[in-house]
Amino acid sequence: MLTAMREFDLIIVGAGAAGLTLAHSAAGAALPGTGVPRIALVEPPAGPARPPERTWCFWERGPGPWDDALAARWDTLSVVAPSGQRYEQAISPLSYKMLRSRDFDAHVRARLGPHVHPCTATVTAIEDGAERATVHASRPDGAPVRLSAPHVFDSRPRSAPPARTTLLQHFRGWFVRTERDAFAPATASLMDLRTPRPRTGVSFGYVLPTSAREALVEYTEFNRQALDADGYESALRRYCEEVLGLGRYTVAAREQGVIPMTDGRFRTRAGRRVYRLGAAAGAIRPSTGYAFSGIQRQVASVVRSLERGRAPVPPVPHRRRHLAMDSVLLHGLDSGRLDGAEFFARLFARNDTRDVLDFLDGGSTLRRELALGATTPVAAMSAALLARALAGLRPPRRSP
């Protein structure tokens, strides 16, 4: 374990998805004049400062670097309209993948190697400098720790930046076990819109089956106000019993989260030698709340810059035009001009699911994006676009 003042090539603050991904990738890099970098991975002791266990989902073509740690994967996705009409499609060569944070953590830590040095300490300050930055922290026993490096990456959560529109993707999930076969294990339900419609935004169910009798079932809303515990439990109970008709079931575990969906502008550079990473650096796609794939692209860019001797400033991993489109969608949902359930049902009903996923992952062409847009409620989207343009004349507001 680390003690007192130590010098490193990189310091990573936080060991969530972004911090661990960077530690894993940078440990296999070769820096000019340095070779394999010496990395300090700083994380707080067990307790409320550490994020709870969570589930990340993403899609990618063919095999990927985290396949050995996956909890499940699906090659078919479905979306259910409010009417009950089901749109189901095989997405090959894509796969939809589910990764539990505890499995990811164990998988990465087992492969970090001797050049990554874990440090359990609570960071109290990060001091920028012309050539090096210094991280000040304290151990669980109160002993001070000082670490320095030419590059410090801070992946700790931060408040969302000022924005025209900020919604919350808030959800609670149950890991359920049923007494009879109730799920189709080969198909993940991406959005089941047979849930009550909130006044603004959208709500939906999300079902990731791992067997015919086990699944992660979530109730999710996109809007400004999270529910209390009773609200989530009531919504999940109604969804499982009245919509899915699961019969008798038990809840083996729960997870809950709140993800900001914002059109605010993220700054990824916090100083000459200090950078933000992950959700704190705009890795979350504003229109969906997905972040894992964005983190992978962000980290890959950082490692390439390190290997080429360039300033490793993490990019916001989404194209500007996609962020502009997302801003219009968020404004439409928030204002009530856009019926969220109708929008998402039409989007998946009238398009190849793979085209939608390519757009959401930033890999689509402008021509294809215009074709996708033409299949959505055009009048409502046009009204949202105009309203968003007028809102752009006002200064952004501090996000909740």
Protein backbone atom coordinates (compact mmCIF):
# COMPACT_ATOMS: atom_id res chain seq x y z
CA MET A 1 0.00 0.00 0.00
CA LEU A 2 1.07 3.59 -0.63
CA THR A 3 2.40 5.87 2.09
CA ALA A 4 3.41 9.56 2.23
CA MET A 5 4.53 11.37 -0.95
CA ARG A 6 4.90 9.26 -4.09
CA GLU A 7 5.43 10.14 -7.72
CA PHE A 8 3.64 8.45 -10.61
CA ASP A 9 3.09 8.85 -14.33
CA LEU A 10 -0.72 8.88 -13.95
CA ILE A 11 -3.10 9.26 -11.03
CA ILE A 12 -6.70 8.10 -11.38
CA VAL A 13 -9.17 9.32 -8.77
CA GLY A 14 -12.21 7.05 -8.49
CA ALA A 15 -12.54 3.37 -9.35
CA GLY A 16 -15.91 3.16 -11.07
CA ALA A 17 -16.42 2.25 -14.72
CA ALA A 18 -14.30 5.16 -16.02
CA GLY A 19 -11.47 4.90 -13.50
CA LEU A 20 -11.09 1.14 -13.80
CA THR A 21 -11.32 1.22 -17.59
CA LEU A 22 -8.53 3.80 -17.78
CA ALA A 23 -6.38 1.89 -15.29
CA HIS A 24 -6.85 -1.31 -17.30
CA SER A 25 -6.13 0.33 -20.67
CA ALA A 26 -3.26 2.59 -19.58
CA ALA A 27 -1.52 -0.32 -17.81
CA GLY A 28 -0.99 -1.87 -21.24
CA ALA A 29 0.23 1.34 -22.90
CA ALA A 30 3.77 2.51 -23.61
CA LEU A 31 4.50 6.19 -22.91
CA PRO A 32 7.26 7.97 -24.87
CA GLY A 33 10.46 7.96 -22.84
CA THR A 34 8.77 6.18 -19.94
CA GLY A 35 7.50 2.86 -21.17
CA VAL A 36 4.79 1.22 -19.09
CA PRO A 37 3.35 3.96 -16.85
CA ARG A 38 3.26 3.78 -13.08
CA ILE A 39 -0.35 4.42 -12.08
CA ALA A 40 -1.94 5.28 -8.74
CA LEU A 41 -5.60 4.29 -8.44
CA VAL A 42 -7.14 6.26 -5.58
CA GLU A 43 -10.54 5.30 -4.17
CA PRO A 44 -12.33 5.99 -0.88
CA PRO A 45 -12.77 3.32 1.79
CA ALA A 46 -15.88 1.17 1.84
CA GLY A 47 -18.90 3.25 2.78
CA PRO A 48 -21.26 5.88 1.38
CA ALA A 49 -18.52 7.53 -0.73
CA ARG A 50 -18.30 4.42 -2.90
CA PRO A 51 -21.01 3.91 -5.52
CA PRO A 52 -23.47 1.06 -4.90
CA GLU A 53 -23.45 -2.04 -7.07
CA ARG A 54 -25.07 -1.39 -10.42
CA THR A 55 -25.70 -2.90 -13.82
CA TRP A 56 -24.34 -1.46 -17.05
CA CYS A 57 -25.75 -2.34 -20.45
CA PHE A 58 -24.37 -1.55 -23.89
CA TRP A 59 -24.31 -2.94 -27.41
CA GLU A 60 -21.37 -3.69 -29.69
CA ARG A 61 -20.45 -5.62 -32.79
CA GLY A 62 -19.06 -9.09 -32.23
CA PRO A 63 -16.79 -9.99 -29.33
CA GLY A 64 -15.60 -7.29 -26.95
CA PRO A 65 -12.97 -6.81 -24.23
CA TRP A 66 -15.41 -7.43 -21.37
CA ASP A 67 -17.12 -10.57 -22.70
CA ASP A 68 -15.52 -12.80 -20.04
CA ALA A 69 -17.18 -10.72 -17.31
CA LEU A 70 -20.69 -10.43 -18.81
CA ALA A 71 -23.71 -11.49 -16.79
CA ALA A 72 -25.78 -12.02 -19.96
CA ARG A 73 -26.13 -11.05 -23.60
CA TRP A 74 -29.00 -10.94 -26.09
CA ASP A 75 -29.12 -10.96 -29.88
CA THR A 76 -32.80 -9.94 -30.06
CA LEU A 77 -34.45 -6.78 -28.70
CA SER A 78 -38.10 -5.85 -28.34
CA VAL A 79 -40.04 -2.63 -27.82
CA VAL A 80 -43.70 -2.73 -26.75
CA ALA A 81 -46.00 0.17 -27.69
CA PRO A 82 -48.62 1.52 -25.26
CA SER A 83 -51.23 -0.43 -27.27
CA GLY A 84 -49.43 -3.69 -26.55
CA GLN A 85 -48.08 -4.02 -30.11
CA ARG A 86 -44.67 -5.68 -29.89
CA TYR A 87 -41.79 -4.86 -32.23
CA GLU A 88 -39.09 -7.51 -31.98
CA GLN A 89 -35.96 -7.82 -34.08
CA ALA A 90 -32.68 -9.72 -34.20
CA ILE A 91 -29.84 -7.21 -34.07
CA SER A 92 -26.92 -9.31 -35.38
CA PRO A 93 -24.04 -8.49 -35.85
CA LEU A 94 -24.75 -6.41 -32.73
CA SER A 95 -25.28 -7.91 -29.29
CA TYR A 96 -26.88 -6.25 -26.27
CA LYS A 97 -24.68 -6.96 -23.25
CA MET A 98 -25.21 -6.81 -19.49
CA LEU A 99 -22.33 -6.25 -17.10
CA ARG A 100 -22.63 -6.19 -13.31
CA SER A 101 -20.32 -3.67 -11.63
CA ARG A 102 -19.03 -6.24 -9.13
CA ASP A 103 -18.06 -8.63 -11.95
CA PHE A 104 -16.40 -5.81 -13.90
CA ASP A 105 -14.51 -4.72 -10.79
CA ALA A 106 -13.19 -8.23 -10.09
CA HIS A 107 -12.32 -8.83 -13.76
CA VAL A 108 -10.32 -5.60 -14.09
CA ARG A 109 -8.52 -5.77 -10.75
CA ALA A 110 -7.31 -9.29 -11.48
CA ARG A 111 -5.60 -8.00 -14.62
CA LEU A 112 -4.15 -4.64 -13.57
CA GLY A 113 -0.60 -5.88 -13.10
CA PRO A 114 2.27 -4.60 -10.95
CA HIS A 115 2.39 -1.08 -12.41
CA VAL A 116 -1.01 -0.11 -10.97
CA HIS A 117 -0.88 0.82 -7.28
CA PRO A 118 -4.21 0.90 -5.40
CA CYS A 119 -4.55 3.54 -2.70
CA THR A 120 -7.49 3.54 -0.30
CA ALA A 121 -7.89 7.16 0.74
CA THR A 122 -10.36 10.02 0.61
CA VAL A 123 -9.22 12.80 -1.71
CA THR A 124 -9.41 16.21 -0.05
CA ALA A 125 -7.86 18.38 -2.78
CA ILE A 126 -6.23 18.23 -6.20
CA GLU A 127 -3.57 20.89 -6.70
CA ASP A 128 -2.76 21.77 -10.30
CA GLY A 129 0.77 22.67 -11.42
CA ALA A 130 2.79 23.63 -14.46
CA GLU A 131 4.52 20.24 -14.78
CA ARG A 132 2.79 18.01 -12.25
CA ALA A 133 -0.42 17.92 -10.23
CA THR A 134 -0.64 16.83 -6.61
CA VAL A 135 -3.43 14.81 -5.04
CA HIS A 136 -3.96 15.35 -1.31
CA ALA A 137 -5.85 12.60 0.52
CA SER A 138 -6.30 11.00 3.92
CA ARG A 139 -6.31 7.35 4.82
CA PRO A 140 -9.09 5.73 6.90
CA ASP A 141 -6.85 6.13 9.98
CA GLY A 142 -6.41 9.86 9.26
CA ALA A 143 -2.85 9.61 7.95
CA PRO A 144 -2.20 12.13 5.16
CA VAL A 145 -1.22 11.01 1.66
CA ARG A 146 0.28 13.09 -1.14
CA LEU A 147 0.69 11.77 -4.68
CA SER A 148 1.95 13.61 -7.75
CA ALA A 149 1.93 12.94 -11.48
CA PRO A 150 2.06 14.81 -14.80
CA HIS A 151 -1.57 13.77 -15.42
CA VAL A 152 -4.43 13.38 -12.95
CA PHE A 153 -7.81 12.01 -14.08
CA ASP A 154 -10.73 12.71 -11.76
CA SER A 155 -13.68 10.38 -12.40
CA ARG A 156 -15.69 11.26 -9.29
CA PRO A 157 -19.33 12.30 -9.82
CA ARG A 158 -20.02 16.03 -10.16
CA SER A 159 -23.09 18.21 -10.41
CA ALA A 160 -24.38 18.59 -13.95
CA PRO A 161 -23.31 21.86 -15.64
CA PRO A 162 -25.74 24.74 -16.31
CA ALA A 163 -28.18 23.73 -19.04
CA ARG A 164 -31.29 24.73 -20.95
CA THR A 165 -32.89 21.38 -20.12
CA THR A 166 -31.95 18.78 -17.54
CA LEU A 167 -34.09 15.71 -16.95
CA LEU A 168 -33.46 12.78 -14.67
CA GLN A 169 -33.47 9.18 -15.77
CA HIS A 170 -34.54 7.63 -12.49
CA PHE A 171 -35.31 3.98 -11.95
CA ARG A 172 -35.54 1.07 -9.58
CA GLY A 173 -34.95 -2.54 -10.58
CA TRP A 174 -35.89 -5.87 -9.08
CA PHE A 175 -33.98 -9.09 -9.70
CA VAL A 176 -36.99 -11.40 -9.69
CA ARG A 177 -37.46 -15.16 -9.61
CA THR A 178 -40.80 -16.61 -10.70
CA GLU A 179 -42.36 -19.96 -9.82
CA ARG A 180 -43.17 -20.71 -13.47
CA ASP A 181 -41.59 -19.92 -16.81
CA ALA A 182 -42.37 -16.25 -17.43
CA PHE A 183 -39.57 -14.83 -19.60
CA ALA A 184 -38.12 -15.36 -23.07
CA PRO A 185 -34.40 -15.68 -22.27
CA ALA A 186 -33.25 -14.90 -25.82
CA THR A 187 -34.93 -11.46 -25.96
CA ALA A 188 -34.31 -8.30 -23.94
CA SER A 189 -37.19 -5.84 -23.66
CA LEU A 190 -35.60 -2.44 -24.22
CA MET A 191 -38.74 -0.36 -23.66
CA ASP A 192 -42.16 -1.57 -22.59
CA LEU A 193 -44.37 1.50 -22.84
CA ARG A 194 -47.46 -0.10 -21.24
CA THR A 195 -46.81 1.90 -18.07
CA PRO A 196 -48.71 4.95 -16.78
CA ARG A 197 -47.88 8.10 -18.73
CA PRO A 198 -46.47 10.92 -16.60
CA ARG A 199 -47.62 14.48 -17.35
CA THR A 200 -44.30 15.20 -19.06
CA GLY A 201 -41.47 12.92 -20.11
CA VAL A 202 -41.99 9.17 -20.43
CA SER A 203 -42.11 6.01 -18.33
CA PHE A 204 -41.41 2.44 -19.36
CA GLY A 205 -40.54 -1.04 -18.17
CA TYR A 206 -37.21 -2.70 -18.96
CA VAL A 207 -36.77 -6.49 -18.79
CA LEU A 208 -33.45 -8.34 -19.02
CA PRO A 209 -34.12 -12.07 -18.64
CA THR A 210 -31.27 -14.36 -17.64
CA SER A 211 -33.41 -17.52 -17.71
CA ALA A 212 -37.05 -18.46 -18.19
CA ARG A 213 -37.64 -17.72 -14.50
CA GLU A 214 -35.13 -14.97 -13.65
CA ALA A 215 -34.80 -11.41 -14.89
CA LEU A 216 -33.86 -7.89 -13.98
CA VAL A 217 -37.10 -5.92 -14.21
CA GLU A 218 -36.89 -2.14 -13.98
CA TYR A 219 -39.35 0.73 -13.87
CA THR A 220 -37.87 3.91 -15.39
CA GLU A 221 -38.98 7.50 -15.92
CA PHE A 222 -37.46 10.40 -17.85
CA ASN A 223 -38.60 13.66 -16.21
CA ARG A 224 -37.58 16.20 -13.58
CA GLN A 225 -38.65 14.57 -10.33
CA ALA A 226 -37.55 11.23 -8.90
CA LEU A 227 -40.06 9.10 -6.98
CA ASP A 228 -39.86 8.06 -3.36
CA ALA A 229 -39.26 4.44 -2.39
CA ASP A 230 -42.98 3.66 -2.13
CA GLY A 231 -43.57 5.13 -5.59
CA TYR A 232 -41.01 2.86 -7.23
CA GLU A 233 -42.17 -0.21 -5.33
CA SER A 234 -45.79 0.43 -6.28
CA ALA A 235 -44.91 0.99 -9.94
CA LEU A 236 -42.79 -2.17 -10.10
CA ARG A 237 -45.44 -4.25 -8.37
CA ARG A 238 -48.09 -3.05 -10.81
CA TYR A 239 -45.82 -3.66 -13.80
CA CYS A 240 -44.79 -7.17 -12.72
CA GLU A 241 -48.28 -8.30 -11.74
CA GLU A 242 -50.69 -6.44 -14.03
CA VAL A 243 -48.61 -5.90 -17.17
CA LEU A 244 -46.18 -8.83 -17.24
CA GLY A 245 -48.48 -11.23 -15.36
CA LEU A 246 -45.61 -12.96 -13.60
CA GLY A 247 -47.75 -14.81 -11.09
CA ARG A 248 -45.97 -15.69 -7.87
CA TYR A 249 -42.44 -14.29 -7.67
CA THR A 250 -39.76 -13.28 -5.19
CA VAL A 251 -37.41 -10.31 -5.29
CA ALA A 252 -33.83 -11.49 -4.81
CA ALA A 253 -32.17 -8.05 -4.94
CA ARG A 254 -32.82 -4.41 -5.81
CA GLU A 255 -30.92 -1.64 -7.52
CA GLN A 256 -31.77 2.00 -7.98
CA GLY A 257 -30.24 4.97 -9.75
CA VAL A 258 -30.61 8.53 -10.98
CA ILE A 259 -28.79 9.59 -14.15
CA PRO A 260 -28.74 13.21 -15.38
CA MET A 261 -29.90 13.73 -18.98
CA THR A 262 -28.70 17.23 -19.78
CA ASP A 263 -27.85 19.50 -22.69
CA GLY A 264 -25.31 21.37 -20.56
CA ARG A 265 -21.76 21.66 -21.85
CA PHE A 266 -19.16 19.59 -20.03
CA ARG A 267 -15.59 20.77 -19.49
CA THR A 268 -13.22 17.82 -19.57
CA ARG A 269 -10.12 19.81 -18.64
CA ALA A 270 -10.02 21.04 -15.06
CA GLY A 271 -6.47 22.45 -15.17
CA ARG A 272 -3.16 22.20 -16.94
CA ARG A 273 -2.55 18.73 -15.53
CA VAL A 274 -6.00 17.76 -14.26
CA TYR A 275 -8.76 16.20 -16.37
CA ARG A 276 -12.28 14.95 -15.77
CA LEU A 277 -13.35 11.53 -16.98
CA GLY A 278 -16.53 9.50 -17.42
CA ALA A 279 -19.94 10.85 -16.47
CA ALA A 280 -18.27 13.97 -15.05
CA ALA A 281 -16.85 14.60 -18.52
CA GLY A 282 -20.00 14.15 -20.60
CA ALA A 283 -19.78 10.41 -21.28
CA ILE A 284 -23.54 9.99 -20.72
CA ARG A 285 -25.60 10.22 -23.92
CA PRO A 286 -28.20 12.88 -23.05
CA SER A 287 -31.14 11.25 -24.84
CA THR A 288 -30.71 7.78 -23.34
CA GLY A 289 -28.63 7.84 -20.17
CA TYR A 290 -26.27 5.19 -21.57
CA ALA A 291 -22.64 5.88 -20.62
CA PHE A 292 -20.57 2.69 -20.77
CA SER A 293 -19.80 2.83 -24.50
CA GLY A 294 -19.04 6.56 -24.27
CA ILE A 295 -16.56 5.84 -21.48
CA GLN A 296 -14.80 3.25 -23.64
CA ARG A 297 -14.40 5.76 -26.50
CA GLN A 298 -13.24 8.45 -24.11
CA VAL A 299 -10.61 6.21 -22.51
CA ALA A 300 -9.38 4.94 -25.88
CA SER A 301 -8.77 8.54 -26.97
CA VAL A 302 -6.90 9.33 -23.74
CA VAL A 303 -4.60 6.30 -24.12
CA ARG A 304 -3.86 7.14 -27.77
CA SER A 305 -2.86 10.66 -26.74
CA LEU A 306 -0.64 9.36 -23.94
CA GLU A 307 1.13 6.99 -26.30
CA ARG A 308 1.74 9.81 -28.80
CA GLY A 309 3.02 12.20 -26.17
CA ARG A 310 0.08 14.59 -26.54
CA ALA A 311 -2.02 16.27 -23.87
CA PRO A 312 -4.50 13.51 -22.92
CA VAL A 313 -7.60 15.70 -22.74
CA PRO A 314 -10.66 13.39 -22.69
CA PRO A 315 -13.12 14.22 -25.47
CA VAL A 316 -16.86 14.45 -24.95
CA PRO A 317 -17.60 11.20 -26.84
CA HIS A 318 -20.69 12.39 -28.73
CA ARG A 319 -20.93 14.35 -31.97
CA ARG A 320 -22.14 17.93 -31.77
CA ARG A 321 -25.08 17.34 -34.08
CA HIS A 322 -26.20 14.40 -31.95
CA LEU A 323 -26.02 16.55 -28.83
CA ALA A 324 -28.09 19.20 -30.62
CA MET A 325 -30.71 16.58 -31.58
CA ASP A 326 -30.75 15.28 -28.02
CA SER A 327 -31.31 18.80 -26.73
CA VAL A 328 -34.43 19.14 -28.88
CA LEU A 329 -35.73 15.78 -27.64
CA LEU A 330 -35.13 16.68 -23.99
CA HIS A 331 -36.87 20.03 -24.44
CA GLY A 332 -39.84 18.36 -26.16
CA LEU A 333 -40.24 15.77 -23.40
CA ASP A 334 -39.83 18.33 -20.63
CA SER A 335 -42.31 20.81 -22.11
CA GLY A 336 -44.95 18.18 -22.88
CA ARG A 337 -44.92 19.12 -26.58
CA LEU A 338 -43.70 15.62 -27.34
CA ASP A 339 -45.53 12.46 -26.26
CA GLY A 340 -42.58 10.32 -25.17
CA ALA A 341 -44.40 7.01 -25.48
CA GLU A 342 -45.58 7.80 -29.00
CA PHE A 343 -42.14 9.06 -30.01
CA PHE A 344 -40.22 5.96 -28.93
CA ALA A 345 -42.88 3.52 -30.17
CA ARG A 346 -42.86 5.08 -33.65
CA LEU A 347 -39.08 5.29 -33.75
CA PHE A 348 -38.66 1.54 -33.21
CA ALA A 349 -41.78 0.50 -35.15
CA ARG A 350 -40.76 2.27 -38.37
CA ASN A 351 -37.01 1.66 -38.39
CA ASP A 352 -34.49 -1.14 -38.24
CA THR A 353 -33.46 -1.44 -34.60
CA ARG A 354 -29.81 -1.61 -35.65
CA ASP A 355 -30.11 1.80 -37.32
CA VAL A 356 -31.55 3.27 -34.14
CA LEU A 357 -28.75 1.74 -32.06
CA ASP A 358 -26.12 3.02 -34.50
CA PHE A 359 -27.54 6.53 -34.09
CA LEU A 360 -27.62 6.26 -30.31
CA ASP A 361 -24.00 5.09 -30.32
CA GLY A 362 -22.87 7.90 -32.63
CA GLY A 363 -22.05 5.76 -35.65
CA SER A 364 -24.81 6.81 -38.07
CA THR A 365 -24.64 9.10 -41.09
CA LEU A 366 -26.50 12.41 -41.35
CA ARG A 367 -28.57 11.05 -44.23
CA ARG A 368 -29.70 8.08 -42.15
CA GLU A 369 -30.44 10.33 -39.19
CA LEU A 370 -32.71 12.53 -41.30
CA ALA A 371 -34.55 9.40 -42.44
CA LEU A 372 -34.98 8.32 -38.82
CA GLY A 373 -36.27 11.76 -37.89
CA ALA A 374 -38.90 11.62 -40.63
CA THR A 375 -40.49 8.58 -38.96
CA THR A 376 -41.04 10.35 -35.63
CA PRO A 377 -43.94 12.77 -34.85
CA VAL A 378 -42.69 15.52 -37.18
CA ALA A 379 -45.09 18.28 -36.08
CA ALA A 380 -44.32 17.76 -32.39
CA MET A 381 -40.57 17.59 -33.04
CA SER A 382 -40.73 20.77 -35.16
CA ALA A 383 -42.52 22.57 -32.33
CA ALA A 384 -39.91 21.30 -29.89
CA LEU A 385 -37.13 22.46 -32.24
CA LEU A 386 -38.59 25.97 -32.45
CA ALA A 387 -39.12 26.16 -28.71
CA ARG A 388 -35.57 24.93 -28.09
CA ALA A 389 -34.20 27.55 -30.49
CA LEU A 390 -36.06 30.30 -28.60
CA ALA A 391 -34.87 28.88 -25.28
CA GLY A 392 -31.32 29.14 -26.60
CA LEU A 393 -31.65 32.92 -26.46
CA ARG A 394 -31.82 32.70 -22.66
CA PRO A 395 -28.79 31.85 -20.50
CA PRO A 396 -28.55 28.23 -19.29
CA ARG A 397 -29.77 27.44 -15.79
CA ARG A 398 -28.00 25.63 -13.00
CA SER A 399 -29.08 21.98 -13.17
CA PRO A 400 -30.85 20.32 -10.25
